[in-house]
Amino acid sequence: MIAYCVEVYVKQGHEDDFIKATEDNHLNTIRETGNIRFDLCRSSETEGLFFLYEVYRDEVSVVAHKETDHYLKWRETVEPWMAKKRFGRMFEPLFYT
């Protein structure tokens, strides 16, 4: 199992656009056979900071996700709204429900 954690800083004025675009990505991602979880969180402390928490069965599922039409559309759509390059890391979940 792999948790993919991504920090995204969104330019002021594009937060709602980002949420809407990410909702479409979320709804399609949770239908993927290799996806276990997809959460979008907004920072209550830092304006424009969002956190995506995605869990996949394995690395093959992560790669497959990044090749889907909905992910590629999301990436292209939100790129101009980012205040800086998104930053993602992979983790191995140890305790989860």
N, C-alpha and C. Protein backbone atom coordinates (compact mmCIF):
# COMPACT_ATOMS: atom_id res chain seq x y z
N MET A 1 0.85 -1.17 0.00
CA MET A 1 0.00 0.00 0.00
C MET A 1 0.90 1.24 0.00
N ILE A 2 0.49 2.25 -0.75
CA ILE A 2 1.26 3.49 -0.87
C ILE A 2 0.35 4.68 -0.62
N ALA A 3 0.79 5.59 0.24
CA ALA A 3 0.11 6.86 0.44
C ALA A 3 0.91 7.92 -0.32
N TYR A 4 0.22 8.63 -1.18
CA TYR A 4 0.85 9.69 -1.95
C TYR A 4 0.31 11.00 -1.40
N CYS A 5 1.19 11.84 -0.85
CA CYS A 5 0.81 13.07 -0.17
C CYS A 5 1.36 14.26 -0.95
N VAL A 6 0.46 15.16 -1.36
CA VAL A 6 0.85 16.25 -2.24
C VAL A 6 0.43 17.59 -1.63
N GLU A 7 1.38 18.51 -1.53
CA GLU A 7 1.10 19.88 -1.10
C GLU A 7 0.95 20.74 -2.34
N VAL A 8 -0.11 21.54 -2.38
CA VAL A 8 -0.36 22.43 -3.51
C VAL A 8 -0.66 23.82 -2.97
N TYR A 9 0.12 24.79 -3.41
CA TYR A 9 -0.13 26.19 -3.08
C TYR A 9 -0.83 26.83 -4.26
N VAL A 10 -2.05 27.32 -4.04
CA VAL A 10 -2.88 27.88 -5.10
C VAL A 10 -2.88 29.41 -5.01
N LYS A 11 -2.76 30.03 -6.18
CA LYS A 11 -2.77 31.50 -6.23
C LYS A 11 -4.09 32.04 -5.71
N GLN A 12 -4.00 33.18 -5.04
CA GLN A 12 -5.20 33.84 -4.51
C GLN A 12 -6.18 34.10 -5.65
N GLY A 13 -7.44 33.82 -5.38
CA GLY A 13 -8.48 34.02 -6.36
C GLY A 13 -8.81 32.79 -7.19
N HIS A 14 -8.00 31.74 -7.06
CA HIS A 14 -8.23 30.51 -7.83
C HIS A 14 -8.56 29.31 -6.94
N GLU A 15 -8.76 29.56 -5.65
CA GLU A 15 -9.03 28.46 -4.73
C GLU A 15 -10.30 27.69 -5.11
N ASP A 16 -11.38 28.38 -5.40
CA ASP A 16 -12.63 27.71 -5.76
C ASP A 16 -12.49 26.95 -7.08
N ASP A 17 -11.76 27.52 -8.04
CA ASP A 17 -11.51 26.83 -9.30
C ASP A 17 -10.73 25.54 -9.05
N PHE A 18 -9.74 25.62 -8.18
CA PHE A 18 -8.93 24.45 -7.86
C PHE A 18 -9.77 23.37 -7.20
N ILE A 19 -10.61 23.76 -6.27
CA ILE A 19 -11.47 22.79 -5.58
C ILE A 19 -12.39 22.09 -6.58
N LYS A 20 -12.99 22.85 -7.47
CA LYS A 20 -13.90 22.27 -8.46
C LYS A 20 -13.16 21.30 -9.38
N ALA A 21 -12.00 21.68 -9.88
CA ALA A 21 -11.23 20.81 -10.76
C ALA A 21 -10.77 19.55 -10.01
N THR A 22 -10.42 19.71 -8.75
CA THR A 22 -9.96 18.57 -7.97
C THR A 22 -11.11 17.64 -7.62
N GLU A 23 -12.31 18.19 -7.46
CA GLU A 23 -13.47 17.33 -7.20
C GLU A 23 -13.70 16.36 -8.36
N ASP A 24 -13.58 16.85 -9.58
CA ASP A 24 -13.74 15.98 -10.75
C ASP A 24 -12.67 14.89 -10.74
N ASN A 25 -11.43 15.27 -10.46
CA ASN A 25 -10.34 14.30 -10.38
C ASN A 25 -10.62 13.28 -9.27
N HIS A 26 -11.07 13.76 -8.14
CA HIS A 26 -11.40 12.91 -6.99
C HIS A 26 -12.47 11.87 -7.36
N LEU A 27 -13.57 12.35 -7.95
CA LEU A 27 -14.68 11.44 -8.27
C LEU A 27 -14.27 10.35 -9.26
N ASN A 28 -13.39 10.68 -10.19
CA ASN A 28 -12.91 9.67 -11.12
C ASN A 28 -11.84 8.77 -10.51
N THR A 29 -10.98 9.33 -9.67
CA THR A 29 -9.91 8.55 -9.05
C THR A 29 -10.46 7.48 -8.13
N ILE A 30 -11.50 7.80 -7.35
CA ILE A 30 -12.02 6.81 -6.41
C ILE A 30 -12.69 5.64 -7.12
N ARG A 31 -12.91 5.76 -8.42
CA ARG A 31 -13.45 4.65 -9.22
C ARG A 31 -12.35 3.75 -9.77
N GLU A 32 -11.10 4.17 -9.67
CA GLU A 32 -9.99 3.36 -10.15
C GLU A 32 -9.84 2.13 -9.26
N THR A 33 -9.56 0.99 -9.86
CA THR A 33 -9.44 -0.25 -9.07
C THR A 33 -8.27 -0.21 -8.08
N GLY A 34 -7.22 0.53 -8.42
CA GLY A 34 -6.06 0.59 -7.54
C GLY A 34 -6.12 1.66 -6.47
N ASN A 35 -7.16 2.50 -6.49
CA ASN A 35 -7.27 3.57 -5.50
C ASN A 35 -8.05 3.09 -4.28
N ILE A 36 -7.53 3.44 -3.12
CA ILE A 36 -8.19 3.09 -1.85
C ILE A 36 -8.80 4.33 -1.21
N ARG A 37 -8.15 5.48 -1.38
CA ARG A 37 -8.61 6.70 -0.72
C ARG A 37 -8.10 7.92 -1.48
N PHE A 38 -8.90 8.98 -1.48
CA PHE A 38 -8.49 10.25 -2.09
C PHE A 38 -9.16 11.36 -1.29
N ASP A 39 -8.38 12.11 -0.56
CA ASP A 39 -8.90 13.21 0.26
C ASP A 39 -8.28 14.53 -0.20
N LEU A 40 -9.07 15.59 -0.18
CA LEU A 40 -8.57 16.94 -0.41
C LEU A 40 -8.78 17.71 0.88
N CYS A 41 -7.71 18.31 1.38
CA CYS A 41 -7.78 19.10 2.61
C CYS A 41 -7.29 20.52 2.31
N ARG A 42 -7.88 21.50 3.02
CA ARG A 42 -7.45 22.90 2.90
C ARG A 42 -6.87 23.32 4.24
N SER A 43 -5.76 24.00 4.20
CA SER A 43 -5.13 24.47 5.42
C SER A 43 -6.00 25.53 6.09
N SER A 44 -6.15 25.42 7.39
CA SER A 44 -6.85 26.45 8.14
C SER A 44 -5.87 27.50 8.66
N GLU A 45 -4.58 27.30 8.39
CA GLU A 45 -3.55 28.21 8.87
C GLU A 45 -2.85 28.99 7.75
N THR A 46 -2.72 28.38 6.57
CA THR A 46 -1.98 28.99 5.47
C THR A 46 -2.90 29.18 4.27
N GLU A 47 -3.14 30.42 3.90
CA GLU A 47 -4.04 30.72 2.79
C GLU A 47 -3.49 30.11 1.49
N GLY A 48 -4.38 29.45 0.76
CA GLY A 48 -4.01 28.90 -0.53
C GLY A 48 -3.32 27.56 -0.50
N LEU A 49 -3.12 27.00 0.70
CA LEU A 49 -2.44 25.70 0.81
C LEU A 49 -3.46 24.57 0.88
N PHE A 50 -3.29 23.60 0.00
CA PHE A 50 -4.12 22.41 -0.04
C PHE A 50 -3.24 21.18 0.09
N PHE A 51 -3.84 20.09 0.55
CA PHE A 51 -3.12 18.84 0.75
C PHE A 51 -3.96 17.70 0.18
N LEU A 52 -3.39 16.96 -0.75
CA LEU A 52 -4.06 15.79 -1.30
C LEU A 52 -3.47 14.55 -0.64
N TYR A 53 -4.34 13.71 -0.11
CA TYR A 53 -3.92 12.46 0.52
C TYR A 53 -4.55 11.33 -0.28
N GLU A 54 -3.72 10.62 -1.02
CA GLU A 54 -4.19 9.57 -1.91
C GLU A 54 -3.54 8.24 -1.50
N VAL A 55 -4.34 7.20 -1.42
CA VAL A 55 -3.81 5.88 -1.06
C VAL A 55 -4.11 4.92 -2.20
N TYR A 56 -3.07 4.19 -2.60
CA TYR A 56 -3.18 3.23 -3.70
C TYR A 56 -2.68 1.86 -3.23
N ARG A 57 -3.15 0.83 -3.91
CA ARG A 57 -2.77 -0.55 -3.56
C ARG A 57 -1.28 -0.78 -3.70
N ASP A 58 -0.68 -0.20 -4.75
CA ASP A 58 0.74 -0.43 -5.02
C ASP A 58 1.25 0.65 -5.97
N GLU A 59 2.54 0.61 -6.25
CA GLU A 59 3.15 1.61 -7.12
C GLU A 59 2.61 1.53 -8.55
N VAL A 60 2.26 0.35 -9.00
CA VAL A 60 1.66 0.18 -10.33
C VAL A 60 0.36 0.99 -10.41
N SER A 61 -0.42 1.00 -9.34
CA SER A 61 -1.67 1.75 -9.31
C SER A 61 -1.42 3.26 -9.35
N VAL A 62 -0.34 3.71 -8.71
CA VAL A 62 0.02 5.14 -8.75
C VAL A 62 0.37 5.53 -10.18
N VAL A 63 1.20 4.73 -10.83
CA VAL A 63 1.60 5.00 -12.21
C VAL A 63 0.38 4.99 -13.13
N ALA A 64 -0.50 4.01 -12.95
CA ALA A 64 -1.71 3.93 -13.77
C ALA A 64 -2.58 5.17 -13.59
N HIS A 65 -2.69 5.64 -12.35
CA HIS A 65 -3.48 6.85 -12.08
C HIS A 65 -2.93 8.04 -12.85
N LYS A 66 -1.62 8.19 -12.86
CA LYS A 66 -1.00 9.33 -13.52
C LYS A 66 -1.10 9.28 -15.04
N GLU A 67 -1.61 8.18 -15.57
CA GLU A 67 -1.81 8.04 -17.01
C GLU A 67 -3.27 8.18 -17.41
N THR A 68 -4.16 8.39 -16.44
CA THR A 68 -5.59 8.49 -16.74
C THR A 68 -5.91 9.86 -17.35
N ASP A 69 -6.97 9.88 -18.15
CA ASP A 69 -7.40 11.13 -18.77
C ASP A 69 -7.80 12.17 -17.71
N HIS A 70 -8.48 11.71 -16.63
CA HIS A 70 -8.93 12.69 -15.64
C HIS A 70 -7.77 13.31 -14.87
N TYR A 71 -6.72 12.53 -14.61
CA TYR A 71 -5.55 13.10 -13.93
C TYR A 71 -4.82 14.08 -14.84
N LEU A 72 -4.61 13.69 -16.09
CA LEU A 72 -3.91 14.56 -17.04
C LEU A 72 -4.68 15.86 -17.26
N LYS A 73 -6.01 15.77 -17.32
CA LYS A 73 -6.85 16.97 -17.46
C LYS A 73 -6.70 17.84 -16.22
N TRP A 74 -6.74 17.21 -15.03
CA TRP A 74 -6.59 17.96 -13.78
C TRP A 74 -5.27 18.69 -13.75
N ARG A 75 -4.19 17.96 -14.05
CA ARG A 75 -2.85 18.55 -13.99
C ARG A 75 -2.73 19.75 -14.92
N GLU A 76 -3.23 19.61 -16.13
CA GLU A 76 -3.16 20.70 -17.10
C GLU A 76 -4.03 21.88 -16.67
N THR A 77 -5.19 21.60 -16.11
CA THR A 77 -6.13 22.65 -15.70
C THR A 77 -5.60 23.45 -14.53
N VAL A 78 -5.07 22.78 -13.50
CA VAL A 78 -4.69 23.49 -12.27
C VAL A 78 -3.29 24.10 -12.31
N GLU A 79 -2.45 23.65 -13.23
CA GLU A 79 -1.06 24.14 -13.28
C GLU A 79 -0.95 25.66 -13.28
N PRO A 80 -1.74 26.40 -14.08
CA PRO A 80 -1.60 27.86 -14.08
C PRO A 80 -2.06 28.52 -12.77
N TRP A 81 -2.81 27.81 -11.95
CA TRP A 81 -3.30 28.37 -10.70
C TRP A 81 -2.34 28.15 -9.53
N MET A 82 -1.27 27.43 -9.74
CA MET A 82 -0.35 27.11 -8.65
C MET A 82 0.61 28.25 -8.40
N ALA A 83 0.74 28.60 -7.13
CA ALA A 83 1.66 29.66 -6.72
C ALA A 83 3.10 29.17 -6.77
N LYS A 84 3.28 27.87 -6.63
CA LYS A 84 4.60 27.25 -6.80
C LYS A 84 4.38 25.79 -7.16
N LYS A 85 5.43 25.15 -7.62
CA LYS A 85 5.33 23.77 -8.07
C LYS A 85 4.81 22.87 -6.94
N ARG A 86 3.85 22.00 -7.29
CA ARG A 86 3.32 21.09 -6.27
C ARG A 86 4.42 20.13 -5.83
N PHE A 87 4.28 19.65 -4.60
CA PHE A 87 5.31 18.80 -4.03
C PHE A 87 4.66 17.54 -3.47
N GLY A 88 5.04 16.39 -3.99
CA GLY A 88 4.48 15.13 -3.53
C GLY A 88 5.52 14.19 -2.99
N ARG A 89 5.09 13.37 -2.03
CA ARG A 89 5.95 12.35 -1.43
C ARG A 89 5.15 11.07 -1.28
N MET A 90 5.84 9.94 -1.35
CA MET A 90 5.20 8.66 -1.12
C MET A 90 5.56 8.15 0.27
N PHE A 91 4.55 7.58 0.93
CA PHE A 91 4.73 7.02 2.26
C PHE A 91 4.15 5.61 2.30
N GLU A 92 4.61 4.84 3.23
CA GLU A 92 4.03 3.51 3.49
C GLU A 92 3.14 3.62 4.71
N PRO A 93 1.82 3.46 4.54
CA PRO A 93 0.94 3.53 5.70
C PRO A 93 1.23 2.38 6.68
N LEU A 94 1.31 2.73 7.95
CA LEU A 94 1.58 1.71 8.97
C LEU A 94 0.33 1.42 9.81
N PHE A 95 -0.41 2.46 10.19
CA PHE A 95 -1.66 2.32 10.92
C PHE A 95 -2.73 3.04 10.12
N TYR A 96 -3.85 2.42 9.86
CA TYR A 96 -4.92 3.03 9.08
C TYR A 96 -6.23 2.33 9.35
N THR A 97 -7.31 2.99 8.99
CA THR A 97 -8.64 2.39 9.12
C THR A 97 -9.34 2.37 7.79
